[in-house]
Amino acid sequence: MIDERTRKILLAIIKHCNIIEDTKKYFGNDYTIFKENNIYQNAILTPVTQIGELVKRLSAEFKKNYTQIPWKNIAGMRDIVVHNYETIDKLILWNVADKETLKIKEFCKNILNER
């Protein structure tokens, strides 16, 4: 069973995953549109950053118990977005938004449903 702090973090991660899904629906779920639209890119960057920040708040024990999620990579993506914005590979960011956040969202939902 997870503690209340972890539950809140997982719920916040789900919220930001939903924001990414809504953004993709709004702009179009297409990499060609994404790579040419700075507004679309920035709308994805913010929730990706937030997810990375939230992951950093999860306890080491939690991350050790649930190794199927690449916690270090998620936190690392946040650091790249925040500190090296100009070097972000748009295709990597798209893949994170298009595939990885769905996996993270499902993982968080499954953990919350274990209660």
N, C-alpha and C. Protein backbone atom coordinates (compact mmCIF):
# COMPACT_ATOMS: atom_id res chain seq x y z
N MET A 1 0.84 -1.19 0.00
CA MET A 1 0.00 0.00 0.00
C MET A 1 0.88 1.25 0.00
N ILE A 2 0.44 2.26 -0.72
CA ILE A 2 1.22 3.49 -0.81
C ILE A 2 0.72 4.51 0.21
N ASP A 3 1.61 5.41 0.58
CA ASP A 3 1.22 6.45 1.53
C ASP A 3 0.51 7.60 0.81
N GLU A 4 -0.03 8.51 1.59
CA GLU A 4 -0.82 9.61 1.04
C GLU A 4 0.02 10.54 0.16
N ARG A 5 1.24 10.79 0.55
CA ARG A 5 2.13 11.65 -0.24
C ARG A 5 2.36 11.05 -1.62
N THR A 6 2.66 9.77 -1.67
CA THR A 6 2.89 9.08 -2.94
C THR A 6 1.62 9.08 -3.78
N ARG A 7 0.48 8.85 -3.15
CA ARG A 7 -0.80 8.87 -3.86
C ARG A 7 -1.02 10.21 -4.54
N LYS A 8 -0.74 11.29 -3.84
CA LYS A 8 -0.92 12.63 -4.42
C LYS A 8 0.03 12.86 -5.60
N ILE A 9 1.25 12.38 -5.47
CA ILE A 9 2.22 12.52 -6.57
C ILE A 9 1.74 11.75 -7.79
N LEU A 10 1.29 10.52 -7.59
CA LEU A 10 0.82 9.71 -8.71
C LEU A 10 -0.40 10.35 -9.38
N LEU A 11 -1.30 10.90 -8.59
CA LEU A 11 -2.46 11.59 -9.16
C LEU A 11 -2.04 12.81 -9.98
N ALA A 12 -1.03 13.53 -9.49
CA ALA A 12 -0.54 14.70 -10.23
C ALA A 12 0.14 14.28 -11.53
N ILE A 13 0.86 13.17 -11.51
CA ILE A 13 1.47 12.65 -12.74
C ILE A 13 0.38 12.32 -13.76
N ILE A 14 -0.67 11.66 -13.31
CA ILE A 14 -1.79 11.33 -14.20
C ILE A 14 -2.39 12.61 -14.78
N LYS A 15 -2.56 13.62 -13.95
CA LYS A 15 -3.12 14.90 -14.42
C LYS A 15 -2.28 15.47 -15.56
N HIS A 16 -0.96 15.45 -15.43
CA HIS A 16 -0.09 16.00 -16.47
C HIS A 16 -0.06 15.11 -17.71
N CYS A 17 -0.20 13.82 -17.54
CA CYS A 17 -0.34 12.93 -18.70
C CYS A 17 -1.61 13.26 -19.46
N ASN A 18 -2.68 13.53 -18.73
CA ASN A 18 -3.94 13.92 -19.36
C ASN A 18 -3.81 15.24 -20.11
N ILE A 19 -3.05 16.16 -19.57
CA ILE A 19 -2.82 17.45 -20.24
C ILE A 19 -2.10 17.20 -21.58
N ILE A 20 -1.14 16.30 -21.57
CA ILE A 20 -0.43 15.96 -22.82
C ILE A 20 -1.42 15.37 -23.82
N GLU A 21 -2.26 14.45 -23.38
CA GLU A 21 -3.26 13.85 -24.28
C GLU A 21 -4.20 14.92 -24.84
N ASP A 22 -4.66 15.83 -24.00
CA ASP A 22 -5.56 16.89 -24.44
C ASP A 22 -4.86 17.82 -25.44
N THR A 23 -3.60 18.10 -25.20
CA THR A 23 -2.83 18.96 -26.09
C THR A 23 -2.69 18.31 -27.47
N LYS A 24 -2.42 17.01 -27.48
CA LYS A 24 -2.31 16.30 -28.75
C LYS A 24 -3.63 16.29 -29.51
N LYS A 25 -4.73 16.15 -28.79
CA LYS A 25 -6.04 16.20 -29.44
C LYS A 25 -6.31 17.59 -30.03
N TYR A 26 -5.92 18.61 -29.29
CA TYR A 26 -6.16 19.99 -29.72
C TYR A 26 -5.37 20.33 -30.98
N PHE A 27 -4.08 20.00 -30.98
CA PHE A 27 -3.21 20.38 -32.10
C PHE A 27 -3.21 19.35 -33.23
N GLY A 28 -3.52 18.12 -32.90
CA GLY A 28 -3.44 17.04 -33.88
C GLY A 28 -2.35 16.06 -33.48
N ASN A 29 -2.69 14.81 -33.49
CA ASN A 29 -1.76 13.77 -33.05
C ASN A 29 -0.85 13.38 -34.22
N ASP A 30 0.05 14.32 -34.58
CA ASP A 30 0.88 14.14 -35.76
C ASP A 30 2.23 14.80 -35.53
N TYR A 31 3.29 14.02 -35.69
CA TYR A 31 4.64 14.55 -35.48
C TYR A 31 4.96 15.69 -36.44
N THR A 32 4.48 15.62 -37.67
CA THR A 32 4.76 16.67 -38.65
C THR A 32 4.22 18.02 -38.16
N ILE A 33 3.03 18.02 -37.61
CA ILE A 33 2.46 19.25 -37.05
C ILE A 33 3.30 19.69 -35.85
N PHE A 34 3.61 18.75 -34.98
CA PHE A 34 4.36 19.04 -33.76
C PHE A 34 5.71 19.68 -34.05
N LYS A 35 6.48 19.10 -34.96
CA LYS A 35 7.85 19.58 -35.18
C LYS A 35 7.90 20.98 -35.79
N GLU A 36 6.80 21.41 -36.41
CA GLU A 36 6.76 22.73 -37.05
C GLU A 36 6.08 23.80 -36.20
N ASN A 37 5.54 23.42 -35.04
CA ASN A 37 4.73 24.35 -34.26
C ASN A 37 5.33 24.55 -32.87
N ASN A 38 5.95 25.70 -32.67
CA ASN A 38 6.58 26.01 -31.37
C ASN A 38 5.58 26.07 -30.23
N ILE A 39 4.38 26.52 -30.51
CA ILE A 39 3.36 26.60 -29.47
C ILE A 39 3.00 25.19 -29.00
N TYR A 40 2.85 24.28 -29.95
CA TYR A 40 2.55 22.88 -29.64
C TYR A 40 3.69 22.29 -28.81
N GLN A 41 4.91 22.52 -29.23
CA GLN A 41 6.08 21.99 -28.51
C GLN A 41 6.11 22.50 -27.07
N ASN A 42 5.88 23.80 -26.90
CA ASN A 42 5.90 24.37 -25.55
C ASN A 42 4.74 23.85 -24.71
N ALA A 43 3.61 23.59 -25.34
CA ALA A 43 2.46 23.05 -24.60
C ALA A 43 2.74 21.62 -24.12
N ILE A 44 3.61 20.91 -24.79
CA ILE A 44 4.01 19.56 -24.36
C ILE A 44 5.14 19.63 -23.34
N LEU A 45 6.04 20.59 -23.52
CA LEU A 45 7.20 20.69 -22.62
C LEU A 45 6.80 20.92 -21.17
N THR A 46 5.80 21.74 -20.94
CA THR A 46 5.43 22.06 -19.56
C THR A 46 4.98 20.82 -18.78
N PRO A 47 4.03 20.03 -19.27
CA PRO A 47 3.66 18.85 -18.49
C PRO A 47 4.77 17.80 -18.41
N VAL A 48 5.61 17.69 -19.45
CA VAL A 48 6.75 16.76 -19.38
C VAL A 48 7.67 17.19 -18.25
N THR A 49 7.91 18.48 -18.15
CA THR A 49 8.74 19.02 -17.06
C THR A 49 8.11 18.71 -15.71
N GLN A 50 6.82 18.92 -15.60
CA GLN A 50 6.13 18.67 -14.34
C GLN A 50 6.19 17.20 -13.94
N ILE A 51 6.03 16.32 -14.90
CA ILE A 51 6.11 14.89 -14.61
C ILE A 51 7.51 14.56 -14.08
N GLY A 52 8.53 15.09 -14.73
CA GLY A 52 9.90 14.86 -14.26
C GLY A 52 10.13 15.37 -12.85
N GLU A 53 9.58 16.52 -12.55
CA GLU A 53 9.71 17.09 -11.21
C GLU A 53 8.99 16.23 -10.18
N LEU A 54 7.81 15.76 -10.53
CA LEU A 54 7.05 14.90 -9.61
C LEU A 54 7.76 13.58 -9.36
N VAL A 55 8.36 13.02 -10.39
CA VAL A 55 9.11 11.77 -10.24
C VAL A 55 10.25 11.95 -9.24
N LYS A 56 10.87 13.11 -9.28
CA LYS A 56 11.97 13.37 -8.33
C LYS A 56 11.47 13.39 -6.88
N ARG A 57 10.20 13.64 -6.69
CA ARG A 57 9.63 13.69 -5.34
C ARG A 57 9.22 12.32 -4.80
N LEU A 58 9.17 11.33 -5.69
CA LEU A 58 8.87 9.97 -5.22
C LEU A 58 10.02 9.45 -4.38
N SER A 59 9.72 8.68 -3.36
CA SER A 59 10.77 8.16 -2.49
C SER A 59 11.67 7.17 -3.24
N ALA A 60 12.88 7.07 -2.79
CA ALA A 60 13.83 6.11 -3.37
C ALA A 60 13.30 4.69 -3.21
N GLU A 61 12.65 4.43 -2.10
CA GLU A 61 12.09 3.11 -1.84
C GLU A 61 11.00 2.76 -2.86
N PHE A 62 10.13 3.72 -3.14
CA PHE A 62 9.08 3.50 -4.12
C PHE A 62 9.69 3.17 -5.48
N LYS A 63 10.66 3.97 -5.90
CA LYS A 63 11.28 3.76 -7.21
C LYS A 63 12.03 2.43 -7.25
N LYS A 64 12.59 2.03 -6.13
CA LYS A 64 13.29 0.74 -6.05
C LYS A 64 12.31 -0.42 -6.16
N ASN A 65 11.12 -0.25 -5.61
CA ASN A 65 10.11 -1.30 -5.63
C ASN A 65 9.41 -1.43 -6.98
N TYR A 66 9.46 -0.37 -7.77
CA TYR A 66 8.77 -0.37 -9.07
C TYR A 66 9.76 0.00 -10.18
N THR A 67 10.59 -0.95 -10.51
CA THR A 67 11.68 -0.70 -11.45
C THR A 67 11.25 -0.77 -12.92
N GLN A 68 10.01 -1.13 -13.19
CA GLN A 68 9.55 -1.23 -14.57
C GLN A 68 9.42 0.13 -15.25
N ILE A 69 9.45 1.19 -14.48
CA ILE A 69 9.40 2.55 -15.03
C ILE A 69 10.81 3.14 -14.96
N PRO A 70 11.27 3.77 -16.04
CA PRO A 70 12.63 4.35 -16.05
C PRO A 70 12.68 5.70 -15.33
N TRP A 71 12.59 5.66 -14.02
CA TRP A 71 12.52 6.88 -13.20
C TRP A 71 13.66 7.84 -13.49
N LYS A 72 14.85 7.31 -13.58
CA LYS A 72 16.04 8.16 -13.80
C LYS A 72 15.95 8.88 -15.15
N ASN A 73 15.47 8.18 -16.16
CA ASN A 73 15.33 8.80 -17.48
C ASN A 73 14.27 9.90 -17.48
N ILE A 74 13.20 9.67 -16.74
CA ILE A 74 12.13 10.67 -16.67
C ILE A 74 12.65 11.94 -15.99
N ALA A 75 13.33 11.76 -14.88
CA ALA A 75 13.91 12.91 -14.17
C ALA A 75 14.97 13.58 -15.05
N GLY A 76 15.73 12.79 -15.78
CA GLY A 76 16.77 13.33 -16.66
C GLY A 76 16.17 14.15 -17.79
N MET A 77 15.04 13.71 -18.32
CA MET A 77 14.36 14.47 -19.37
C MET A 77 13.94 15.83 -18.84
N ARG A 78 13.46 15.86 -17.63
CA ARG A 78 13.09 17.13 -16.99
C ARG A 78 14.30 18.05 -16.92
N ASP A 79 15.44 17.52 -16.53
CA ASP A 79 16.66 18.33 -16.42
C ASP A 79 17.09 18.88 -17.78
N ILE A 80 16.98 18.06 -18.81
CA ILE A 80 17.33 18.53 -20.16
C ILE A 80 16.39 19.65 -20.59
N VAL A 81 15.09 19.44 -20.36
CA VAL A 81 14.11 20.46 -20.75
C VAL A 81 14.38 21.77 -20.04
N VAL A 82 14.69 21.71 -18.76
CA VAL A 82 14.87 22.93 -17.97
C VAL A 82 16.23 23.59 -18.23
N HIS A 83 17.28 22.80 -18.32
CA HIS A 83 18.63 23.37 -18.38
C HIS A 83 19.23 23.46 -19.78
N ASN A 84 18.73 22.68 -20.70
CA ASN A 84 19.30 22.66 -22.05
C ASN A 84 18.20 22.70 -23.11
N TYR A 85 17.30 23.63 -22.95
CA TYR A 85 16.12 23.71 -23.80
C TYR A 85 16.47 23.68 -25.29
N GLU A 86 17.49 24.38 -25.67
CA GLU A 86 17.85 24.49 -27.09
C GLU A 86 18.37 23.20 -27.69
N THR A 87 18.74 22.23 -26.85
CA THR A 87 19.29 20.98 -27.38
C THR A 87 18.27 19.84 -27.42
N ILE A 88 17.03 20.13 -27.13
CA ILE A 88 16.01 19.09 -27.09
C ILE A 88 15.76 18.54 -28.49
N ASP A 89 15.82 17.24 -28.59
CA ASP A 89 15.52 16.56 -29.85
C ASP A 89 13.99 16.46 -29.94
N LYS A 90 13.42 17.07 -30.95
CA LYS A 90 11.96 17.12 -31.08
C LYS A 90 11.35 15.73 -31.23
N LEU A 91 12.05 14.84 -31.91
CA LEU A 91 11.52 13.49 -32.09
C LEU A 91 11.48 12.73 -30.76
N ILE A 92 12.51 12.91 -29.94
CA ILE A 92 12.51 12.27 -28.61
C ILE A 92 11.36 12.83 -27.77
N LEU A 93 11.21 14.15 -27.78
CA LEU A 93 10.12 14.76 -27.02
C LEU A 93 8.77 14.25 -27.52
N TRP A 94 8.62 14.13 -28.82
CA TRP A 94 7.37 13.61 -29.37
C TRP A 94 7.13 12.18 -28.90
N ASN A 95 8.16 11.34 -28.94
CA ASN A 95 8.01 9.95 -28.50
C ASN A 95 7.64 9.86 -27.03
N VAL A 96 8.21 10.74 -26.23
CA VAL A 96 7.84 10.79 -24.81
C VAL A 96 6.36 11.12 -24.69
N ALA A 97 5.93 12.15 -25.40
CA ALA A 97 4.53 12.58 -25.32
C ALA A 97 3.58 11.57 -25.94
N ASP A 98 4.02 10.91 -26.99
CA ASP A 98 3.14 10.03 -27.75
C ASP A 98 3.04 8.63 -27.15
N LYS A 99 4.13 8.14 -26.55
CA LYS A 99 4.14 6.75 -26.08
C LYS A 99 4.43 6.60 -24.59
N GLU A 100 5.48 7.26 -24.14
CA GLU A 100 5.95 7.02 -22.77
C GLU A 100 4.98 7.54 -21.71
N THR A 101 4.35 8.67 -21.96
CA THR A 101 3.43 9.18 -20.94
C THR A 101 2.21 8.28 -20.80
N LEU A 102 1.83 7.60 -21.86
CA LEU A 102 0.71 6.63 -21.75
C LEU A 102 1.10 5.49 -20.81
N LYS A 103 2.34 5.02 -20.92
CA LYS A 103 2.81 3.94 -20.05
C LYS A 103 2.87 4.40 -18.59
N ILE A 104 3.37 5.61 -18.39
CA ILE A 104 3.48 6.14 -17.03
C ILE A 104 2.08 6.32 -16.43
N LYS A 105 1.17 6.83 -17.22
CA LYS A 105 -0.20 7.04 -16.74
C LYS A 105 -0.84 5.71 -16.33
N GLU A 106 -0.73 4.71 -17.18
CA GLU A 106 -1.31 3.39 -16.86
C GLU A 106 -0.66 2.79 -15.62
N PHE A 107 0.66 2.94 -15.50
CA PHE A 107 1.35 2.45 -14.31
C PHE A 107 0.78 3.12 -13.06
N CYS A 108 0.68 4.45 -13.08
CA CYS A 108 0.18 5.18 -11.91
C CYS A 108 -1.25 4.76 -11.57
N LYS A 109 -2.09 4.62 -12.58
CA LYS A 109 -3.46 4.18 -12.33
C LYS A 109 -3.49 2.79 -11.70
N ASN A 110 -2.67 1.89 -12.19
CA ASN A 110 -2.62 0.54 -11.63
C ASN A 110 -2.17 0.55 -10.18
N ILE A 111 -1.18 1.33 -9.86
CA ILE A 111 -0.69 1.41 -8.47
C ILE A 111 -1.80 1.98 -7.58
N LEU A 112 -2.47 3.01 -8.04
CA LEU A 112 -3.56 3.60 -7.24
C LEU A 112 -4.72 2.63 -7.06
N ASN A 113 -4.95 1.79 -8.02
CA ASN A 113 -6.05 0.81 -7.92
C ASN A 113 -5.72 -0.37 -7.02
N GLU A 114 -4.46 -0.52 -6.63
CA GLU A 114 -4.06 -1.60 -5.72
C GLU A 114 -4.58 -1.38 -4.32
N ARG A 115 -4.95 -0.16 -3.98
CA ARG A 115 -5.36 0.18 -2.63
C ARG A 115 -6.53 -0.57 -2.17
